[in-house]
Amino acid sequence: MSENFFNNTKIMFVVTFTILFLSLFAVVVSTSIDNNLNSVYATANKTLSVITSVSPITNIVKNIAGDKISLTGLVPEGVNSHTFEPVPSDIIKLNNADLVIINGLFLEDNMEKVVNESLKNKPDIQLLKLADNTINSTGWIFDFSFPKELGHPNPHLWLNPVNAMKFANLTKDKLIEMDPNNTDYYTENAEKYIALLKQLDEGIEAAVQTISPENRKLITYHDSWAYFAPRYNITVIGAVQPSDFSEPSPLDIAKLIDQIKAEKIPAIFASEVFSNRITDQIAKEAGINIVQTLRDDSLPGNLTSPNHTYVGMMLDNMEHMIIPLGGNTSSLTDINPENTYTSP
């Protein structure tokens, strides 16, 4: 065979190989691009699965996120959030979440432990602790039910509407970070909701001013109002419940009764979660009125009621707090408790 034949054969082989290589490369590149585009498309259109803890926080998140996320509140209303333990079905929900939003400050320790365990196998889960990002340790309040020696501060920040505004902004920022395609929607919802919370804050401030200064005192069963009271120049005199969430001793009860009489406190406030038996006894022996419930993490009405909201809860609380202390709530009558988010 001639040398030309071999040369031509080599050229044909090289050309054929090159064509095959380029064809294969094109297929791989095309497939990769398609997969990336599909991945981007899927991410862009993914509905975030968000899990929250107590009902007031769930409702704050709802007013920012609207219908753009799949939202589940884990702690049932009427359940002690301090001791709530997730059941197996709750653990599955937490494992499958994209974002978990809790109060923090050790309130939902059991939930947080589940999330931290889930992070070992699903490191993309995001955890947002609202209270921890609202105040630092210099702003922590230790008191009757949350003594400093135990190291866990009072966690009930959301009962101060100013803190609720911060919760709303933190939620907005996290949702925008994880779902930037809906930035305008989250921003618009946050602006409307914070405007309502400012109206609530101003209304409460005006209502408290109608209470005689000597009556601006709170004694409650559960110590939930530590961050609310300083905002409106109210003094929390004491709480019935000990720090271990047990019932108070007879000596504790006797001391509270003496304090109530000495400071001429007009009313004692029970809890929607805990038994009223002890507060009934204290009210009877001290000769003062008892208000059956102040809500800290349970919303009024049923799920479809217009006041089944954080704002509705606060308005309900003010009605049951301010009037028994001798004030009036006329400054709050024009506040609409309904959710403010825009439905798509």
C-alpha atoms as a PDB file:
ATOM      1  CA  MET A   1       0.000   0.000   0.000  1.00  0.00           C
ATOM      2  CA  SER A   2       1.185   3.491  -0.748  1.00  0.00           C
ATOM      3  CA  GLU A   3       2.273   5.978   1.814  1.00  0.00           C
ATOM      4  CA  ASN A   4      -0.568   8.246   0.704  1.00  0.00           C
ATOM      5  CA  PHE A   5      -3.093   5.581   1.634  1.00  0.00           C
ATOM      6  CA  PHE A   6      -1.770   5.380   5.179  1.00  0.00           C
ATOM      7  CA  ASN A   7      -1.671   9.143   5.488  1.00  0.00           C
ATOM      8  CA  ASN A   8      -5.234   9.455   4.245  1.00  0.00           C
ATOM      9  CA  THR A   9      -6.344   6.751   6.655  1.00  0.00           C
ATOM     10  CA  LYS A  10      -4.730   8.574   9.561  1.00  0.00           C
ATOM     11  CA  ILE A  11      -6.396  11.813   8.539  1.00  0.00           C
ATOM     12  CA  MET A  12      -9.806  10.125   8.266  1.00  0.00           C
ATOM     13  CA  PHE A  13      -9.321   8.522  11.698  1.00  0.00           C
ATOM     14  CA  VAL A  14      -8.361  11.829  13.300  1.00  0.00           C
ATOM     15  CA  VAL A  15     -11.286  13.612  11.656  1.00  0.00           C
ATOM     16  CA  THR A  16     -13.732  10.880  12.671  1.00  0.00           C
ATOM     17  CA  PHE A  17     -12.433  10.822  16.247  1.00  0.00           C
ATOM     18  CA  THR A  18     -12.601  14.612  16.460  1.00  0.00           C
ATOM     19  CA  ILE A  19     -16.186  14.651  15.184  1.00  0.00           C
ATOM     20  CA  LEU A  20     -17.206  11.967  17.687  1.00  0.00           C
ATOM     21  CA  PHE A  21     -15.428  13.770  20.531  1.00  0.00           C
ATOM     22  CA  LEU A  22     -17.022  17.090  19.678  1.00  0.00           C
ATOM     23  CA  SER A  23     -20.455  15.476  19.381  1.00  0.00           C
ATOM     24  CA  LEU A  24     -20.064  13.803  22.751  1.00  0.00           C
ATOM     25  CA  PHE A  25     -18.791  17.030  24.300  1.00  0.00           C
ATOM     26  CA  ALA A  26     -21.760  18.923  22.888  1.00  0.00           C
ATOM     27  CA  VAL A  27     -24.172  16.391  24.396  1.00  0.00           C
ATOM     28  CA  VAL A  28     -22.488  16.621  27.811  1.00  0.00           C
ATOM     29  CA  VAL A  29     -22.446  20.423  27.761  1.00  0.00           C
ATOM     30  CA  SER A  30     -26.054  20.591  26.586  1.00  0.00           C
ATOM     31  CA  THR A  31     -27.149  18.164  29.283  1.00  0.00           C
ATOM     32  CA  SER A  32     -25.244  20.098  31.925  1.00  0.00           C
ATOM     33  CA  ILE A  33     -26.786  23.390  30.826  1.00  0.00           C
ATOM     34  CA  ASP A  34     -30.259  21.857  30.787  1.00  0.00           C
ATOM     35  CA  ASN A  35     -29.735  20.405  34.254  1.00  0.00           C
ATOM     36  CA  ASN A  36     -28.469  23.725  35.599  1.00  0.00           C
ATOM     37  CA  LEU A  37     -31.363  25.592  34.045  1.00  0.00           C
ATOM     38  CA  ASN A  38     -33.799  23.057  35.459  1.00  0.00           C
ATOM     39  CA  SER A  39     -32.147  23.385  38.856  1.00  0.00           C
ATOM     40  CA  VAL A  40     -32.322  27.177  38.732  1.00  0.00           C
ATOM     41  CA  TYR A  41     -35.935  27.008  37.552  1.00  0.00           C
ATOM     42  CA  ALA A  42     -36.859  24.562  40.315  1.00  0.00           C
ATOM     43  CA  THR A  43     -35.138  26.733  42.937  1.00  0.00           C
ATOM     44  CA  ALA A  44     -36.776  29.878  41.614  1.00  0.00           C
ATOM     45  CA  ASN A  45     -40.210  28.269  41.822  1.00  0.00           C
ATOM     46  CA  LYS A  46     -39.735  26.341  45.068  1.00  0.00           C
ATOM     47  CA  THR A  47     -42.141  27.156  47.878  1.00  0.00           C
ATOM     48  CA  LEU A  48     -40.216  27.480  51.117  1.00  0.00           C
ATOM     49  CA  SER A  49     -41.285  25.186  53.923  1.00  0.00           C
ATOM     50  CA  VAL A  50     -41.203  27.277  57.106  1.00  0.00           C
ATOM     51  CA  ILE A  51     -41.795  25.943  60.614  1.00  0.00           C
ATOM     52  CA  THR A  52     -42.478  28.258  63.556  1.00  0.00           C
ATOM     53  CA  SER A  53     -43.047  27.696  67.261  1.00  0.00           C
ATOM     54  CA  VAL A  54     -45.722  29.634  69.199  1.00  0.00           C
ATOM     55  CA  SER A  55     -48.844  31.155  67.639  1.00  0.00           C
ATOM     56  CA  PRO A  56     -47.943  34.864  67.968  1.00  0.00           C
ATOM     57  CA  ILE A  57     -44.667  34.275  66.124  1.00  0.00           C
ATOM     58  CA  THR A  58     -46.458  32.166  63.517  1.00  0.00           C
ATOM     59  CA  ASN A  59     -48.860  35.029  62.896  1.00  0.00           C
ATOM     60  CA  ILE A  60     -46.106  37.643  62.661  1.00  0.00           C
ATOM     61  CA  VAL A  61     -44.365  35.466  60.051  1.00  0.00           C
ATOM     62  CA  LYS A  62     -47.659  34.982  58.189  1.00  0.00           C
ATOM     63  CA  ASN A  63     -48.135  38.728  57.868  1.00  0.00           C
ATOM     64  CA  ILE A  64     -44.752  39.061  56.164  1.00  0.00           C
ATOM     65  CA  ALA A  65     -44.763  35.884  54.070  1.00  0.00           C
ATOM     66  CA  GLY A  66     -48.432  35.816  53.129  1.00  0.00           C
ATOM     67  CA  ASP A  67     -49.194  32.909  50.811  1.00  0.00           C
ATOM     68  CA  LYS A  68     -45.687  32.677  49.332  1.00  0.00           C
ATOM     69  CA  ILE A  69     -44.514  29.994  51.768  1.00  0.00           C
ATOM     70  CA  SER A  70     -45.775  26.789  53.324  1.00  0.00           C
ATOM     71  CA  LEU A  71     -46.109  27.774  56.994  1.00  0.00           C
ATOM     72  CA  THR A  72     -46.631  25.454  59.974  1.00  0.00           C
ATOM     73  CA  GLY A  73     -46.808  26.486  63.621  1.00  0.00           C
ATOM     74  CA  LEU A  74     -45.612  23.602  65.758  1.00  0.00           C
ATOM     75  CA  VAL A  75     -46.593  24.490  69.341  1.00  0.00           C
ATOM     76  CA  PRO A  76     -50.355  23.961  69.845  1.00  0.00           C
ATOM     77  CA  GLU A  77     -52.273  26.790  71.480  1.00  0.00           C
ATOM     78  CA  GLY A  78     -52.928  26.242  75.167  1.00  0.00           C
ATOM     79  CA  VAL A  79     -49.733  24.171  75.559  1.00  0.00           C
ATOM     80  CA  ASN A  80     -46.877  25.315  77.808  1.00  0.00           C
ATOM     81  CA  SER A  81     -44.257  26.434  75.274  1.00  0.00           C
ATOM     82  CA  HIS A  82     -41.475  26.178  77.876  1.00  0.00           C
ATOM     83  CA  THR A  83     -41.895  22.441  78.229  1.00  0.00           C
ATOM     84  CA  PHE A  84     -43.238  21.546  74.763  1.00  0.00           C
ATOM     85  CA  GLU A  85     -41.591  18.461  73.248  1.00  0.00           C
ATOM     86  CA  PRO A  86     -41.930  17.669  69.525  1.00  0.00           C
ATOM     87  CA  VAL A  87     -43.675  14.368  68.761  1.00  0.00           C
ATOM     88  CA  PRO A  88     -42.373  12.130  65.932  1.00  0.00           C
ATOM     89  CA  SER A  89     -44.590  13.817  63.319  1.00  0.00           C
ATOM     90  CA  ASP A  90     -43.206  17.202  64.418  1.00  0.00           C
ATOM     91  CA  ILE A  91     -39.657  15.907  64.069  1.00  0.00           C
ATOM     92  CA  ILE A  92     -40.390  14.872  60.472  1.00  0.00           C
ATOM     93  CA  LYS A  93     -41.691  18.378  59.729  1.00  0.00           C
ATOM     94  CA  LEU A  94     -38.573  19.936  61.219  1.00  0.00           C
ATOM     95  CA  ASN A  95     -36.339  17.569  59.245  1.00  0.00           C
ATOM     96  CA  ASN A  96     -38.082  18.579  55.997  1.00  0.00           C
ATOM     97  CA  ALA A  97     -38.099  22.329  56.661  1.00  0.00           C
ATOM     98  CA  ASP A  98     -36.140  24.897  54.701  1.00  0.00           C
ATOM     99  CA  LEU A  99     -36.400  27.459  57.494  1.00  0.00           C
ATOM    100  CA  VAL A 100     -37.250  27.193  61.185  1.00  0.00           C
ATOM    101  CA  ILE A 101     -38.185  30.422  62.977  1.00  0.00           C
ATOM    102  CA  ILE A 102     -38.324  30.402  66.771  1.00  0.00           C
ATOM    103  CA  ASN A 103     -38.250  32.970  69.546  1.00  0.00           C
ATOM    104  CA  GLY A 104     -35.032  31.683  71.060  1.00  0.00           C
ATOM    105  CA  LEU A 105     -33.588  32.715  74.433  1.00  0.00           C
ATOM    106  CA  PHE A 106     -33.999  29.080  75.512  1.00  0.00           C
ATOM    107  CA  LEU A 107     -37.814  29.087  75.105  1.00  0.00           C
ATOM    108  CA  GLU A 108     -37.912  26.280  72.522  1.00  0.00           C
ATOM    109  CA  ASP A 109     -34.907  24.234  73.637  1.00  0.00           C
ATOM    110  CA  ASN A 110     -36.492  20.930  72.597  1.00  0.00           C
ATOM    111  CA  MET A 111     -37.300  22.190  69.097  1.00  0.00           C
ATOM    112  CA  GLU A 112     -33.822  23.655  68.721  1.00  0.00           C
ATOM    113  CA  LYS A 113     -32.206  20.346  69.674  1.00  0.00           C
ATOM    114  CA  VAL A 114     -34.146  18.584  66.900  1.00  0.00           C
ATOM    115  CA  VAL A 115     -33.054  21.194  64.348  1.00  0.00           C
ATOM    116  CA  ASN A 116     -29.413  20.933  65.400  1.00  0.00           C
ATOM    117  CA  GLU A 117     -29.609  17.166  65.043  1.00  0.00           C
ATOM    118  CA  SER A 118     -31.240  17.508  61.608  1.00  0.00           C
ATOM    119  CA  LEU A 119     -28.429  19.792  60.450  1.00  0.00           C
ATOM    120  CA  LYS A 120     -26.039  16.833  60.560  1.00  0.00           C
ATOM    121  CA  ASN A 121     -27.822  15.230  57.606  1.00  0.00           C
ATOM    122  CA  LYS A 122     -29.396  18.330  56.045  1.00  0.00           C
ATOM    123  CA  PRO A 123     -26.981  21.243  56.485  1.00  0.00           C
ATOM    124  CA  ASP A 124     -29.100  23.588  54.348  1.00  0.00           C
ATOM    125  CA  ILE A 125     -31.805  24.012  57.018  1.00  0.00           C
ATOM    126  CA  GLN A 126     -31.854  27.625  58.203  1.00  0.00           C
ATOM    127  CA  LEU A 127     -32.595  28.511  61.846  1.00  0.00           C
ATOM    128  CA  LEU A 128     -33.686  32.050  62.750  1.00  0.00           C
ATOM    129  CA  LYS A 129     -33.844  32.929  66.449  1.00  0.00           C
ATOM    130  CA  LEU A 130     -35.793  36.179  66.610  1.00  0.00           C
ATOM    131  CA  ALA A 131     -35.244  37.209  70.221  1.00  0.00           C
ATOM    132  CA  ASP A 132     -31.516  36.464  70.090  1.00  0.00           C
ATOM    133  CA  ASN A 133     -31.238  38.803  67.112  1.00  0.00           C
ATOM    134  CA  THR A 134     -33.419  41.501  68.710  1.00  0.00           C
ATOM    135  CA  ILE A 135     -31.527  42.049  71.971  1.00  0.00           C
ATOM    136  CA  ASN A 136     -28.125  40.973  73.249  1.00  0.00           C
ATOM    137  CA  SER A 137     -27.269  39.774  76.745  1.00  0.00           C
ATOM    138  CA  THR A 138     -27.178  43.342  78.115  1.00  0.00           C
ATOM    139  CA  GLY A 139     -30.897  43.584  77.395  1.00  0.00           C
ATOM    140  CA  TRP A 140     -31.857  40.287  79.015  1.00  0.00           C
ATOM    141  CA  ILE A 141     -34.312  40.522  81.902  1.00  0.00           C
ATOM    142  CA  PHE A 142     -34.144  38.111  84.844  1.00  0.00           C
ATOM    143  CA  ASP A 143     -37.011  38.088  87.314  1.00  0.00           C
ATOM    144  CA  PHE A 144     -39.366  36.033  89.449  1.00  0.00           C
ATOM    145  CA  SER A 145     -39.949  33.074  87.134  1.00  0.00           C
ATOM    146  CA  PHE A 146     -36.576  33.452  85.392  1.00  0.00           C
ATOM    147  CA  PRO A 147     -33.904  34.093  88.064  1.00  0.00           C
ATOM    148  CA  LYS A 148     -30.390  35.025  86.970  1.00  0.00           C
ATOM    149  CA  GLU A 149     -28.787  32.117  88.798  1.00  0.00           C
ATOM    150  CA  LEU A 150     -30.463  29.689  86.400  1.00  0.00           C
ATOM    151  CA  GLY A 151     -28.968  31.498  83.403  1.00  0.00           C
ATOM    152  CA  HIS A 152     -32.100  31.636  81.243  1.00  0.00           C
ATOM    153  CA  PRO A 153     -33.589  35.121  80.805  1.00  0.00           C
ATOM    154  CA  ASN A 154     -37.263  35.871  80.421  1.00  0.00           C
ATOM    155  CA  PRO A 155     -37.943  35.046  76.747  1.00  0.00           C
ATOM    156  CA  HIS A 156     -41.299  36.815  76.188  1.00  0.00           C
ATOM    157  CA  LEU A 157     -40.057  39.620  73.953  1.00  0.00           C
ATOM    158  CA  TRP A 158     -42.998  39.527  71.541  1.00  0.00           C
ATOM    159  CA  LEU A 159     -45.407  41.017  74.113  1.00  0.00           C
ATOM    160  CA  ASN A 160     -43.679  44.356  73.526  1.00  0.00           C
ATOM    161  CA  PRO A 161     -44.960  45.555  70.102  1.00  0.00           C
ATOM    162  CA  VAL A 162     -41.643  47.301  69.420  1.00  0.00           C
ATOM    163  CA  ASN A 163     -39.939  43.909  69.600  1.00  0.00           C
ATOM    164  CA  ALA A 164     -42.674  42.472  67.368  1.00  0.00           C
ATOM    165  CA  MET A 165     -41.688  45.087  64.765  1.00  0.00           C
ATOM    166  CA  LYS A 166     -38.112  43.855  64.954  1.00  0.00           C
ATOM    167  CA  PHE A 167     -39.334  40.259  64.614  1.00  0.00           C
ATOM    168  CA  ALA A 168     -41.193  41.303  61.458  1.00  0.00           C
ATOM    169  CA  ASN A 169     -38.113  42.942  59.943  1.00  0.00           C
ATOM    170  CA  LEU A 170     -35.885  39.981  60.784  1.00  0.00           C
ATOM    171  CA  THR A 171     -38.406  37.661  59.128  1.00  0.00           C
ATOM    172  CA  LYS A 172     -38.569  39.874  56.033  1.00  0.00           C
ATOM    173  CA  ASP A 173     -34.770  39.948  55.697  1.00  0.00           C
ATOM    174  CA  LYS A 174     -34.438  36.163  56.033  1.00  0.00           C
ATOM    175  CA  LEU A 175     -37.213  35.459  53.517  1.00  0.00           C
ATOM    176  CA  ILE A 176     -35.656  37.863  51.008  1.00  0.00           C
ATOM    177  CA  GLU A 177     -32.293  36.152  51.511  1.00  0.00           C
ATOM    178  CA  MET A 178     -33.784  32.722  50.807  1.00  0.00           C
ATOM    179  CA  ASP A 179     -36.414  33.745  48.247  1.00  0.00           C
ATOM    180  CA  PRO A 180     -35.162  36.895  46.450  1.00  0.00           C
ATOM    181  CA  ASN A 181     -37.735  36.558  43.648  1.00  0.00           C
ATOM    182  CA  ASN A 182     -40.416  37.720  46.093  1.00  0.00           C
ATOM    183  CA  THR A 183     -38.452  40.625  47.575  1.00  0.00           C
ATOM    184  CA  ASP A 184     -41.025  43.267  46.633  1.00  0.00           C
ATOM    185  CA  TYR A 185     -43.876  41.199  48.071  1.00  0.00           C
ATOM    186  CA  TYR A 186     -42.167  40.615  51.425  1.00  0.00           C
ATOM    187  CA  THR A 187     -41.085  44.251  51.642  1.00  0.00           C
ATOM    188  CA  GLU A 188     -44.580  45.579  50.931  1.00  0.00           C
ATOM    189  CA  ASN A 189     -46.141  43.229  53.485  1.00  0.00           C
ATOM    190  CA  ALA A 190     -43.587  44.218  56.139  1.00  0.00           C
ATOM    191  CA  GLU A 191     -44.246  47.933  55.617  1.00  0.00           C
ATOM    192  CA  LYS A 192     -48.013  47.500  56.022  1.00  0.00           C
ATOM    193  CA  TYR A 193     -47.703  45.244  59.046  1.00  0.00           C
ATOM    194  CA  ILE A 194     -45.174  47.419  60.868  1.00  0.00           C
ATOM    195  CA  ALA A 195     -47.441  50.425  60.312  1.00  0.00           C
ATOM    196  CA  LEU A 196     -50.205  48.494  62.130  1.00  0.00           C
ATOM    197  CA  LEU A 197     -47.828  47.539  64.965  1.00  0.00           C
ATOM    198  CA  LYS A 198     -46.836  51.201  65.386  1.00  0.00           C
ATOM    199  CA  GLN A 199     -50.517  52.089  65.656  1.00  0.00           C
ATOM    200  CA  LEU A 200     -50.912  49.353  68.284  1.00  0.00           C
ATOM    201  CA  ASP A 201     -47.906  50.620  70.253  1.00  0.00           C
ATOM    202  CA  GLU A 202     -49.193  54.206  70.276  1.00  0.00           C
ATOM    203  CA  GLY A 203     -52.687  53.053  71.254  1.00  0.00           C
ATOM    204  CA  ILE A 204     -51.402  51.015  74.196  1.00  0.00           C
ATOM    205  CA  GLU A 205     -49.260  53.906  75.387  1.00  0.00           C
ATOM    206  CA  ALA A 206     -52.276  56.246  75.361  1.00  0.00           C
ATOM    207  CA  ALA A 207     -54.470  53.659  77.104  1.00  0.00           C
ATOM    208  CA  VAL A 208     -51.965  53.086  79.909  1.00  0.00           C
ATOM    209  CA  GLN A 209     -51.890  56.831  80.544  1.00  0.00           C
ATOM    210  CA  THR A 210     -55.543  56.595  81.611  1.00  0.00           C
ATOM    211  CA  ILE A 211     -54.553  54.365  84.562  1.00  0.00           C
ATOM    212  CA  SER A 212     -53.702  56.186  87.799  1.00  0.00           C
ATOM    213  CA  PRO A 213     -49.918  55.955  88.338  1.00  0.00           C
ATOM    214  CA  GLU A 214     -50.377  54.146  91.671  1.00  0.00           C
ATOM    215  CA  ASN A 215     -52.355  51.405  89.884  1.00  0.00           C
ATOM    216  CA  ARG A 216     -49.847  50.735  87.092  1.00  0.00           C
ATOM    217  CA  LYS A 217     -48.743  47.497  88.712  1.00  0.00           C
ATOM    218  CA  LEU A 218     -48.954  43.906  87.525  1.00  0.00           C
ATOM    219  CA  ILE A 219     -49.005  40.684  89.445  1.00  0.00           C
ATOM    220  CA  THR A 220     -49.538  37.631  87.262  1.00  0.00           C
ATOM    221  CA  TYR A 221     -49.443  33.877  87.520  1.00  0.00           C
ATOM    222  CA  HIS A 222     -46.838  33.361  84.768  1.00  0.00           C
ATOM    223  CA  ASP A 223     -44.147  36.006  84.371  1.00  0.00           C
ATOM    224  CA  SER A 224     -44.704  37.008  80.732  1.00  0.00           C
ATOM    225  CA  TRP A 225     -44.726  40.806  80.821  1.00  0.00           C
ATOM    226  CA  ALA A 226     -41.136  41.688  81.655  1.00  0.00           C
ATOM    227  CA  TYR A 227     -40.455  43.386  78.282  1.00  0.00           C
ATOM    228  CA  PHE A 228     -43.923  44.894  77.928  1.00  0.00           C
ATOM    229  CA  ALA A 229     -44.068  46.675  81.295  1.00  0.00           C
ATOM    230  CA  PRO A 230     -41.010  48.963  80.993  1.00  0.00           C
ATOM    231  CA  ARG A 231     -42.177  50.143  77.576  1.00  0.00           C
ATOM    232  CA  TYR A 232     -45.342  51.640  79.117  1.00  0.00           C
ATOM    233  CA  ASN A 233     -44.110  52.575  82.612  1.00  0.00           C
ATOM    234  CA  ILE A 234     -45.842  49.675  84.317  1.00  0.00           C
ATOM    235  CA  THR A 235     -44.208  47.840  87.220  1.00  0.00           C
ATOM    236  CA  VAL A 236     -44.327  44.055  87.477  1.00  0.00           C
ATOM    237  CA  ILE A 237     -44.688  43.450  91.208  1.00  0.00           C
ATOM    238  CA  GLY A 238     -44.417  39.686  91.131  1.00  0.00           C
ATOM    239  CA  ALA A 239     -45.404  36.379  89.609  1.00  0.00           C
ATOM    240  CA  VAL A 240     -47.076  33.463  91.332  1.00  0.00           C
ATOM    241  CA  GLN A 241     -45.338  30.655  89.453  1.00  0.00           C
ATOM    242  CA  PRO A 242     -41.884  29.541  90.660  1.00  0.00           C
ATOM    243  CA  SER A 243     -38.960  29.250  88.249  1.00  0.00           C
ATOM    244  CA  ASP A 244     -39.330  25.467  87.928  1.00  0.00           C
ATOM    245  CA  PHE A 245     -42.959  25.903  86.729  1.00  0.00           C
ATOM    246  CA  SER A 246     -44.283  24.047  89.777  1.00  0.00           C
ATOM    247  CA  GLU A 247     -46.965  25.366  92.126  1.00  0.00           C
ATOM    248  CA  PRO A 248     -45.920  27.938  94.754  1.00  0.00           C
ATOM    249  CA  SER A 249     -45.507  26.910  98.353  1.00  0.00           C
ATOM    250  CA  PRO A 250     -47.914  28.128 101.073  1.00  0.00           C
ATOM    251  CA  LEU A 251     -45.147  30.488 102.272  1.00  0.00           C
ATOM    252  CA  ASP A 252     -44.772  31.963  98.761  1.00  0.00           C
ATOM    253  CA  ILE A 253     -48.521  32.507  98.578  1.00  0.00           C
ATOM    254  CA  ALA A 254     -48.625  34.190 101.982  1.00  0.00           C
ATOM    255  CA  LYS A 255     -45.831  36.583 100.982  1.00  0.00           C
ATOM    256  CA  LEU A 256     -47.651  37.531  97.780  1.00  0.00           C
ATOM    257  CA  ILE A 257     -50.871  38.206  99.659  1.00  0.00           C
ATOM    258  CA  ASP A 258     -49.026  40.475 102.107  1.00  0.00           C
ATOM    259  CA  GLN A 259     -47.386  42.304  99.190  1.00  0.00           C
ATOM    260  CA  ILE A 260     -50.699  42.788  97.386  1.00  0.00           C
ATOM    261  CA  LYS A 261     -52.280  44.290 100.498  1.00  0.00           C
ATOM    262  CA  ALA A 262     -49.275  46.508 101.251  1.00  0.00           C
ATOM    263  CA  GLU A 263     -49.108  47.927  97.724  1.00  0.00           C
ATOM    264  CA  LYS A 264     -52.892  48.098  97.293  1.00  0.00           C
ATOM    265  CA  ILE A 265     -52.807  46.238  93.991  1.00  0.00           C
ATOM    266  CA  PRO A 266     -56.294  46.249  92.424  1.00  0.00           C
ATOM    267  CA  ALA A 267     -56.194  42.963  90.492  1.00  0.00           C
ATOM    268  CA  ILE A 268     -54.295  39.743  89.889  1.00  0.00           C
ATOM    269  CA  PHE A 269     -54.056  38.186  86.430  1.00  0.00           C
ATOM    270  CA  ALA A 270     -54.320  34.464  85.715  1.00  0.00           C
ATOM    271  CA  SER A 271     -52.973  32.598  82.699  1.00  0.00           C
ATOM    272  CA  GLU A 272     -54.638  30.924  79.726  1.00  0.00           C
ATOM    273  CA  VAL A 273     -52.264  27.961  80.031  1.00  0.00           C
ATOM    274  CA  PHE A 274     -51.910  27.299  83.759  1.00  0.00           C
ATOM    275  CA  SER A 275     -54.468  26.399  86.425  1.00  0.00           C
ATOM    276  CA  ASN A 276     -56.323  29.305  88.036  1.00  0.00           C
ATOM    277  CA  ARG A 277     -56.744  27.546  91.378  1.00  0.00           C
ATOM    278  CA  ILE A 278     -53.855  29.351  93.074  1.00  0.00           C
ATOM    279  CA  THR A 279     -54.715  32.782  91.691  1.00  0.00           C
ATOM    280  CA  ASP A 280     -58.331  32.279  92.788  1.00  0.00           C
ATOM    281  CA  GLN A 281     -57.090  31.567  96.321  1.00  0.00           C
ATOM    282  CA  ILE A 282     -54.790  34.612  96.361  1.00  0.00           C
ATOM    283  CA  ALA A 283     -57.498  36.934  95.025  1.00  0.00           C
ATOM    284  CA  LYS A 284     -59.999  35.712  97.619  1.00  0.00           C
ATOM    285  CA  GLU A 285     -57.608  36.040 100.571  1.00  0.00           C
ATOM    286  CA  ALA A 286     -56.235  39.403  99.426  1.00  0.00           C
ATOM    287  CA  GLY A 287     -59.705  40.760  98.672  1.00  0.00           C
ATOM    288  CA  ILE A 288     -58.942  41.840  95.087  1.00  0.00           C
ATOM    289  CA  ASN A 289     -60.358  41.192  91.632  1.00  0.00           C
ATOM    290  CA  ILE A 290     -59.085  38.310  89.532  1.00  0.00           C
ATOM    291  CA  VAL A 291     -58.820  38.547  85.764  1.00  0.00           C
ATOM    292  CA  GLN A 292     -59.154  35.023  84.442  1.00  0.00           C
ATOM    293  CA  THR A 293     -56.683  35.239  81.597  1.00  0.00           C
ATOM    294  CA  LEU A 294     -53.936  37.232  79.995  1.00  0.00           C
ATOM    295  CA  ARG A 295     -52.704  35.588  76.817  1.00  0.00           C
ATOM    296  CA  ASP A 296     -49.029  35.376  75.993  1.00  0.00           C
ATOM    297  CA  ASP A 297     -48.898  32.683  73.301  1.00  0.00           C
ATOM    298  CA  SER A 298     -52.537  31.823  72.570  1.00  0.00           C
ATOM    299  CA  LEU A 299     -54.557  33.806  70.020  1.00  0.00           C
ATOM    300  CA  PRO A 300     -58.227  34.697  70.670  1.00  0.00           C
ATOM    301  CA  GLY A 301     -61.132  33.337  68.669  1.00  0.00           C
ATOM    302  CA  ASN A 302     -60.971  30.427  66.246  1.00  0.00           C
ATOM    303  CA  LEU A 303     -58.766  30.035  63.177  1.00  0.00           C
ATOM    304  CA  THR A 304     -61.131  32.021  60.945  1.00  0.00           C
ATOM    305  CA  SER A 305     -61.865  34.839  63.408  1.00  0.00           C
ATOM    306  CA  PRO A 306     -60.565  38.261  62.322  1.00  0.00           C
ATOM    307  CA  ASN A 307     -58.982  38.732  65.772  1.00  0.00           C
ATOM    308  CA  HIS A 308     -57.135  35.387  65.693  1.00  0.00           C
ATOM    309  CA  THR A 309     -53.896  37.328  65.252  1.00  0.00           C
ATOM    310  CA  TYR A 310     -50.994  38.724  67.253  1.00  0.00           C
ATOM    311  CA  VAL A 311     -52.607  42.187  67.161  1.00  0.00           C
ATOM    312  CA  GLY A 312     -55.948  40.666  68.175  1.00  0.00           C
ATOM    313  CA  MET A 313     -54.258  38.962  71.128  1.00  0.00           C
ATOM    314  CA  MET A 314     -52.677  42.228  72.278  1.00  0.00           C
ATOM    315  CA  LEU A 315     -55.964  44.131  71.968  1.00  0.00           C
ATOM    316  CA  ASP A 316     -57.707  41.387  73.957  1.00  0.00           C
ATOM    317  CA  ASN A 317     -54.976  41.584  76.611  1.00  0.00           C
ATOM    318  CA  MET A 318     -55.271  45.348  76.916  1.00  0.00           C
ATOM    319  CA  GLU A 319     -59.028  45.073  77.407  1.00  0.00           C
ATOM    320  CA  HIS A 320     -58.456  42.597  80.247  1.00  0.00           C
ATOM    321  CA  MET A 321     -55.492  44.449  81.767  1.00  0.00           C
ATOM    322  CA  ILE A 322     -56.160  48.171  81.523  1.00  0.00           C
ATOM    323  CA  ILE A 323     -59.837  48.269  82.528  1.00  0.00           C
ATOM    324  CA  PRO A 324     -59.342  46.220  85.768  1.00  0.00           C
ATOM    325  CA  LEU A 325     -56.473  48.581  86.677  1.00  0.00           C
ATOM    326  CA  GLY A 326     -58.847  51.542  86.351  1.00  0.00           C
ATOM    327  CA  GLY A 327     -58.086  52.803  82.851  1.00  0.00           C
ATOM    328  CA  ASN A 328     -59.917  52.750  79.521  1.00  0.00           C
ATOM    329  CA  THR A 329     -59.072  51.475  76.051  1.00  0.00           C
ATOM    330  CA  SER A 330     -60.747  54.072  73.852  1.00  0.00           C
ATOM    331  CA  SER A 331     -57.418  54.736  72.113  1.00  0.00           C
ATOM    332  CA  LEU A 332     -57.457  51.162  70.813  1.00  0.00           C
ATOM    333  CA  THR A 333     -60.992  50.955  69.426  1.00  0.00           C
ATOM    334  CA  ASP A 334     -60.077  51.938  65.857  1.00  0.00           C
ATOM    335  CA  ILE A 335     -57.290  49.378  65.476  1.00  0.00           C
ATOM    336  CA  ASN A 336     -58.169  46.583  63.054  1.00  0.00           C
ATOM    337  CA  PRO A 337     -56.766  43.265  64.358  1.00  0.00           C
ATOM    338  CA  GLU A 338     -56.952  41.498  60.990  1.00  0.00           C
ATOM    339  CA  ASN A 339     -53.948  40.273  59.017  1.00  0.00           C
ATOM    340  CA  THR A 340     -52.481  42.851  56.624  1.00  0.00           C
ATOM    341  CA  TYR A 341     -50.639  40.756  54.048  1.00  0.00           C
ATOM    342  CA  THR A 342     -51.607  40.930  50.386  1.00  0.00           C
ATOM    343  CA  SER A 343     -52.991  37.764  48.839  1.00  0.00           C
ATOM    344  CA  PRO A 344     -51.330  37.067  45.433  1.00  0.00           C
END
